[in-house]
Amino acid sequence: MGIFDKFRKGLKKTRDEGITAKMDEVIQSYEKITDDLFEELEEILIMGDVGMETSEKIISDLKSRVESDGLTNAAEVKEKLKDIVSGIVWGGSYLKLRSKPSVILVIGVNGVGKTTTIGKLALRLKEQGRKVILGAADTFRAAAIEQLQVWADRAQVDLIKHSEGSDPASVVFDTIAAGKARNADVIIIDTAGRLHNKKNLMDELNKISRVIERELPDASKEVLLVLDATTGQNAVNQAKDFKDAAGITGIILTKLDGTARGGVVLAINNELDVPVKFVGVGEQIDDLQPFDADAFASALFDSKPVGEDKDIENFILGE
């Protein structure tokens, strides 16, 4: 199954119940393009978790294209919308893993699927021939270490862990030391999703980052934020908080298949200027997919992408 087919399956609820179905219904109710049509489409986008700022941009671009192309038939609007969405969404599955070891710091609030995502990412990297080691630096959440151990065993990679309640920065220090000693290619570090308050959490992340910079100053480093697509605009707000404090380099959007709120991808891309690198489109181990903007836009509007669908197995994580 190719990337487009995976995305098409993952966006089924958004197409059938969310913004795509509602836009189709509105467009079909108009023969001519009018201001009322634009207003209804903008309202659908806003209600579909695309967000006010991004929705206004899309409709403004749509009006300009309709005018410049001299369109009058409402049925022609959908293709223009797809073109605009294709221009807004962007991503990049290529992780900066040029050094040995490289470091992937995974952050996100509790409940977004962070531990599962780490396990799937570790397995994908291992299947590409990379030696992976995990660090269980979420020492505050009950059972977080045990859950990561399950995934480490499943992916058959090493896990460095301390007891529950230990200093997360010390876990990171020991994980880096083990990574160096065991000649690891990639170190993936789990982090706390919640502390007493937001400031404490951000301070802890900063402390971890300082340890990484001190111990591996020249290493390639990715800071990946895991977001739950089912939370819609709340995911965007979380991303803004983490971006300000942690300097995120990419986003992993989970549970895309379980929500009609797929439009949140547009808000993330437009408002945060951070690439979506992976999306979760199911429960299986291979359902963590590299994000492909063209495949996403085509799947959202249920139209085949131009050219051949990319084969997932050949979508290599980058040098």
Protein backbone atom coordinates (compact mmCIF):
# COMPACT_ATOMS: atom_id res chain seq x y z
CA MET A 1 0.00 0.00 0.00
CA GLY A 2 1.38 3.40 -1.01
CA ILE A 3 1.47 6.63 0.96
CA PHE A 4 -1.58 8.10 -0.82
CA ASP A 5 -3.64 4.98 -0.05
CA LYS A 6 -2.59 5.13 3.60
CA PHE A 7 -3.55 8.80 3.80
CA ARG A 8 -6.84 8.18 1.99
CA LYS A 9 -7.71 5.54 4.58
CA GLY A 10 -6.57 7.76 7.46
CA LEU A 11 -8.58 10.79 6.26
CA LYS A 12 -11.82 8.88 5.68
CA LYS A 13 -13.60 10.49 8.64
CA THR A 14 -12.50 13.97 7.61
CA ARG A 15 -13.80 13.37 4.08
CA ASP A 16 -17.04 11.66 5.10
CA GLU A 17 -17.92 13.63 8.24
CA GLY A 18 -15.66 16.69 8.32
CA ILE A 19 -14.75 19.64 6.16
CA THR A 20 -14.53 17.79 2.84
CA ALA A 21 -18.08 16.46 2.93
CA LYS A 22 -19.46 19.77 4.15
CA MET A 23 -17.64 21.76 1.46
CA ASP A 24 -18.94 19.36 -1.20
CA GLU A 25 -22.49 19.85 0.08
CA VAL A 26 -22.22 23.64 0.03
CA ILE A 27 -20.56 23.81 -3.40
CA GLN A 28 -23.25 21.56 -4.88
CA SER A 29 -25.96 23.87 -3.52
CA TYR A 30 -24.69 26.78 -5.63
CA GLU A 31 -24.69 27.15 -9.39
CA LYS A 32 -22.80 30.44 -9.50
CA ILE A 33 -19.90 31.68 -7.40
CA THR A 34 -21.15 34.31 -4.95
CA ASP A 35 -20.00 36.04 -1.77
CA ASP A 36 -22.40 33.81 0.16
CA LEU A 37 -20.55 30.75 -1.14
CA PHE A 38 -17.23 32.15 0.08
CA GLU A 39 -18.72 32.94 3.50
CA GLU A 40 -20.14 29.44 3.91
CA LEU A 41 -16.87 27.82 2.89
CA GLU A 42 -14.93 29.96 5.35
CA GLU A 43 -17.31 29.02 8.15
CA ILE A 44 -16.85 25.31 7.35
CA LEU A 45 -13.08 25.68 7.48
CA ILE A 46 -13.17 27.50 10.82
CA MET A 47 -15.53 24.94 12.33
CA GLY A 48 -13.36 22.15 10.93
CA ASP A 49 -10.36 23.13 13.09
CA VAL A 50 -8.51 24.84 10.26
CA GLY A 51 -8.49 27.96 12.44
CA MET A 52 -9.52 31.56 11.83
CA GLU A 53 -6.19 32.81 10.47
CA THR A 54 -5.68 29.91 8.06
CA SER A 55 -9.32 29.86 6.94
CA GLU A 56 -9.19 33.56 6.07
CA LYS A 57 -6.00 33.00 4.08
CA ILE A 58 -7.53 30.11 2.12
CA ILE A 59 -10.69 32.04 1.21
CA SER A 60 -8.72 35.17 0.32
CA ASP A 61 -6.53 33.10 -2.02
CA LEU A 62 -9.62 31.41 -3.44
CA LYS A 63 -11.26 34.75 -4.24
CA SER A 64 -8.10 35.95 -5.99
CA ARG A 65 -7.85 32.82 -8.12
CA VAL A 66 -11.52 32.85 -9.03
CA GLU A 67 -11.21 36.45 -10.15
CA SER A 68 -7.93 36.02 -12.05
CA ASP A 69 -9.18 32.87 -13.84
CA GLY A 70 -12.58 34.38 -14.57
CA LEU A 71 -14.49 31.50 -12.96
CA THR A 72 -18.24 31.71 -12.49
CA ASN A 73 -19.32 28.08 -12.04
CA ALA A 74 -19.39 26.95 -8.39
CA ALA A 75 -18.40 23.40 -9.38
CA GLU A 76 -14.96 24.71 -10.39
CA VAL A 77 -14.21 25.94 -6.87
CA LYS A 78 -13.28 22.54 -5.43
CA GLU A 79 -10.26 22.06 -7.67
CA LYS A 80 -9.03 25.55 -6.80
CA LEU A 81 -9.41 24.74 -3.10
CA LYS A 82 -7.32 21.63 -3.54
CA ASP A 83 -4.57 23.66 -5.25
CA ILE A 84 -4.57 26.19 -2.41
CA VAL A 85 -4.46 23.47 0.26
CA SER A 86 -1.58 21.80 -1.61
CA GLY A 87 0.30 25.10 -1.35
CA ILE A 88 -0.35 25.46 2.38
CA VAL A 89 0.45 21.97 3.63
CA TRP A 90 4.08 21.08 3.75
CA GLY A 91 6.21 18.66 5.64
CA GLY A 92 9.40 16.72 5.52
CA SER A 93 9.86 13.18 6.70
CA TYR A 94 13.61 13.55 6.41
CA LEU A 95 15.11 13.53 9.87
CA LYS A 96 18.53 15.08 10.39
CA LEU A 97 20.45 11.98 11.40
CA ARG A 98 23.85 12.84 9.97
CA SER A 99 25.99 12.32 13.08
CA LYS A 100 26.70 9.15 15.02
CA PRO A 101 25.00 9.15 17.36
CA SER A 102 22.14 11.47 16.43
CA VAL A 103 19.53 12.45 19.02
CA ILE A 104 15.75 12.54 18.75
CA LEU A 105 14.06 14.24 21.71
CA VAL A 106 10.34 13.38 21.78
CA ILE A 107 8.00 15.72 23.68
CA GLY A 108 4.26 16.14 24.13
CA VAL A 109 1.55 16.11 26.77
CA ASN A 110 0.28 12.88 28.31
CA GLY A 111 -2.24 10.91 26.29
CA VAL A 112 -1.17 11.90 22.78
CA GLY A 113 0.43 8.54 21.97
CA LYS A 114 4.02 9.60 22.63
CA THR A 115 5.31 6.26 23.92
CA THR A 116 3.67 4.28 21.12
CA THR A 117 5.09 6.72 18.57
CA ILE A 118 8.61 6.28 19.97
CA GLY A 119 8.27 2.52 19.68
CA LYS A 120 7.09 2.69 16.07
CA LEU A 121 9.82 5.16 15.14
CA ALA A 122 12.48 2.99 16.79
CA LEU A 123 11.31 -0.04 14.85
CA ARG A 124 11.26 1.85 11.54
CA LEU A 125 14.82 3.07 12.10
CA LYS A 126 16.01 -0.38 13.18
CA GLU A 127 14.51 -1.93 10.04
CA GLN A 128 16.63 0.52 8.05
CA GLY A 129 19.74 -0.94 9.65
CA ARG A 130 20.32 1.71 12.32
CA LYS A 131 21.34 0.80 15.86
CA VAL A 132 18.84 2.52 18.17
CA ILE A 133 18.90 3.08 21.91
CA LEU A 134 16.00 4.51 23.95
CA GLY A 135 16.11 6.68 27.06
CA ALA A 136 13.18 6.56 29.52
CA ALA A 137 13.34 10.15 30.78
CA ASP A 138 9.61 10.34 31.54
CA THR A 139 10.18 9.30 35.13
CA PHE A 140 7.15 11.06 36.62
CA ARG A 141 4.18 9.30 34.98
CA ALA A 142 3.22 5.99 36.53
CA ALA A 143 3.96 3.05 34.21
CA ALA A 144 5.65 5.25 31.56
CA ILE A 145 8.94 3.35 31.95
CA GLU A 146 7.21 -0.04 31.79
CA GLN A 147 5.28 0.97 28.64
CA LEU A 148 8.48 2.09 26.92
CA GLN A 149 10.13 -1.20 27.94
CA VAL A 150 7.35 -3.10 26.15
CA TRP A 151 8.03 -1.15 22.96
CA ALA A 152 11.80 -1.52 23.33
CA ASP A 153 11.34 -5.30 23.59
CA ARG A 154 9.02 -5.31 20.57
CA ALA A 155 11.49 -3.33 18.47
CA GLN A 156 14.42 -5.27 19.96
CA VAL A 157 16.39 -2.17 20.93
CA ASP A 158 18.18 -1.25 24.17
CA LEU A 159 16.47 0.88 26.82
CA ILE A 160 18.24 2.93 29.49
CA LYS A 161 16.04 3.53 32.53
CA HIS A 162 16.17 4.54 36.17
CA SER A 163 13.57 4.08 38.87
CA GLU A 164 10.30 6.03 38.83
CA GLY A 165 10.77 9.59 40.14
CA SER A 166 14.46 9.77 39.19
CA ASP A 167 16.02 12.89 37.73
CA PRO A 168 15.20 12.85 33.97
CA ALA A 169 18.43 14.68 33.10
CA SER A 170 20.48 11.91 34.72
CA VAL A 171 18.64 9.35 32.59
CA VAL A 172 19.54 11.38 29.50
CA PHE A 173 23.19 11.56 30.59
CA ASP A 174 23.36 7.78 31.06
CA THR A 175 21.54 7.14 27.77
CA ILE A 176 24.05 9.28 25.87
CA ALA A 177 26.94 7.50 27.60
CA ALA A 178 25.46 4.14 26.66
CA GLY A 179 24.86 5.33 23.11
CA LYS A 180 28.51 6.27 22.73
CA ALA A 181 29.76 3.04 24.33
CA ARG A 182 27.48 0.80 22.27
CA ASN A 183 28.15 2.61 19.00
CA ALA A 184 24.49 3.60 18.53
CA ASP A 185 23.35 5.43 15.41
CA VAL A 186 20.30 7.06 16.98
CA ILE A 187 19.34 7.92 20.56
CA ILE A 188 15.61 8.48 21.14
CA ILE A 189 14.63 10.11 24.42
CA ASP A 190 11.16 10.04 25.94
CA THR A 191 10.28 13.04 28.13
CA ALA A 192 7.66 13.99 30.70
CA GLY A 193 4.30 15.11 29.36
CA ARG A 194 3.16 16.87 32.51
CA LEU A 195 4.68 18.22 35.71
CA HIS A 196 3.22 20.42 38.45
CA ASN A 197 2.75 23.27 36.02
CA LYS A 198 3.78 24.33 32.53
CA LYS A 199 6.83 26.25 33.76
CA ASN A 200 8.20 23.19 35.56
CA LEU A 201 7.74 21.09 32.44
CA MET A 202 9.50 23.60 30.19
CA ASP A 203 12.32 24.02 32.73
CA GLU A 204 12.81 20.24 32.74
CA LEU A 205 12.96 20.14 28.94
CA ASN A 206 15.52 22.94 28.96
CA LYS A 207 17.61 21.03 31.49
CA ILE A 208 17.54 17.92 29.30
CA SER A 209 18.52 19.97 26.26
CA ARG A 210 21.50 21.42 28.11
CA VAL A 211 22.74 17.90 28.95
CA ILE A 212 22.47 16.88 25.29
CA GLU A 213 24.30 20.00 24.11
CA ARG A 214 27.06 19.47 26.67
CA GLU A 215 27.57 15.75 26.00
CA LEU A 216 26.94 15.76 22.24
CA PRO A 217 27.63 19.32 21.07
CA ASP A 218 28.10 18.38 17.41
CA ALA A 219 25.32 15.81 17.13
CA SER A 220 22.37 16.08 14.79
CA LYS A 221 19.34 16.78 16.95
CA GLU A 222 15.62 16.57 16.28
CA VAL A 223 12.99 17.81 18.73
CA LEU A 224 9.74 16.15 17.71
CA LEU A 225 6.43 17.23 19.23
CA VAL A 226 3.70 14.59 19.30
CA LEU A 227 0.16 15.97 18.94
CA ASP A 228 -3.22 14.24 19.04
CA ALA A 229 -5.24 15.12 15.92
CA THR A 230 -8.53 14.43 17.72
CA THR A 231 -7.99 17.51 19.92
CA GLY A 232 -8.22 19.92 16.97
CA GLN A 233 -7.31 23.51 17.78
CA ASN A 234 -6.11 22.50 21.24
CA ALA A 235 -3.27 20.68 19.48
CA VAL A 236 -2.30 23.94 17.76
CA ASN A 237 -2.27 25.76 21.10
CA GLN A 238 -0.06 23.04 22.63
CA ALA A 239 2.32 23.33 19.72
CA LYS A 240 2.63 27.09 20.18
CA ASP A 241 3.56 26.61 23.85
CA PHE A 242 6.17 23.96 23.12
CA LYS A 243 7.60 25.82 20.13
CA ASP A 244 8.29 28.88 22.28
CA ALA A 245 10.01 26.83 24.98
CA ALA A 246 11.63 23.84 23.30
CA GLY A 247 12.54 24.86 19.74
CA ILE A 248 10.71 22.00 18.05
CA THR A 249 12.01 20.88 14.65
CA GLY A 250 9.06 18.76 13.58
CA ILE A 251 5.62 17.48 14.50
CA ILE A 252 4.19 13.96 14.65
CA LEU A 253 0.40 14.01 14.42
CA THR A 254 -1.22 10.89 15.86
CA LYS A 255 -4.74 9.43 15.63
CA LEU A 256 -5.51 11.11 12.29
CA ASP A 257 -7.61 8.10 11.34
CA GLY A 258 -9.81 8.48 14.42
CA THR A 259 -11.06 12.01 13.83
CA ALA A 260 -12.96 14.19 11.37
CA ARG A 261 -10.58 17.04 12.32
CA GLY A 262 -7.95 16.42 9.67
CA GLY A 263 -8.11 20.12 8.82
CA VAL A 264 -5.91 20.79 11.84
CA VAL A 265 -2.91 19.91 9.65
CA LEU A 266 -3.54 23.13 7.69
CA ALA A 267 -3.53 25.24 10.85
CA ILE A 268 -0.33 23.60 12.11
CA ASN A 269 1.47 24.23 8.83
CA ASN A 270 0.26 27.80 8.32
CA GLU A 271 0.37 29.16 11.87
CA LEU A 272 3.45 27.43 13.31
CA ASP A 273 5.86 27.26 10.38
CA VAL A 274 7.00 23.83 11.60
CA PRO A 275 6.91 20.77 9.33
CA VAL A 276 4.69 17.80 10.01
CA LYS A 277 7.16 14.90 9.70
CA PHE A 278 4.98 11.89 10.47
CA VAL A 279 1.30 11.09 10.93
CA GLY A 280 -0.37 8.17 12.66
CA VAL A 281 -3.10 6.67 10.49
CA GLY A 282 -3.88 3.47 12.41
CA GLU A 283 -2.93 1.10 15.20
CA GLN A 284 -0.54 -1.16 13.29
CA ILE A 285 3.21 -0.89 13.73
CA ASP A 286 3.62 0.41 10.16
CA ASP A 287 0.85 3.00 10.45
CA LEU A 288 3.27 5.75 11.48
CA GLN A 289 3.73 7.27 8.04
CA PRO A 290 6.11 9.88 6.63
CA PHE A 291 4.10 13.00 5.86
CA ASP A 292 3.74 13.78 2.18
CA ALA A 293 1.98 17.07 1.39
CA ASP A 294 0.79 16.15 -2.10
CA ALA A 295 -0.59 12.81 -0.94
CA PHE A 296 -2.33 14.52 1.98
CA ALA A 297 -4.03 17.16 -0.18
CA SER A 298 -5.09 14.59 -2.77
CA ALA A 299 -6.44 12.22 -0.11
CA LEU A 300 -8.32 15.06 1.59
CA PHE A 301 -10.18 15.83 -1.64
CA ASP A 302 -10.31 12.16 -2.68
CA SER A 303 -8.48 12.64 -5.94
CA LYS A 304 -5.48 10.71 -7.16
CA PRO A 305 -2.17 12.60 -6.96
CA VAL A 306 -0.32 13.52 -10.10
CA GLY A 307 2.20 10.81 -10.92
CA GLU A 308 2.65 7.45 -9.26
CA ASP A 309 1.91 6.90 -5.59
CA LYS A 310 5.11 6.69 -3.53
CA ASP A 311 5.93 3.32 -2.07
CA ILE A 312 6.16 3.56 1.72
CA GLU A 313 9.11 1.18 1.90
CA ASN A 314 11.11 3.44 -0.41
CA PHE A 315 10.39 6.62 1.54
CA ILE A 316 13.74 6.70 3.30
CA LEU A 317 14.48 8.62 6.48
CA GLY A 318 17.12 11.06 5.54
CA GLU A 319 20.78 11.52 5.56
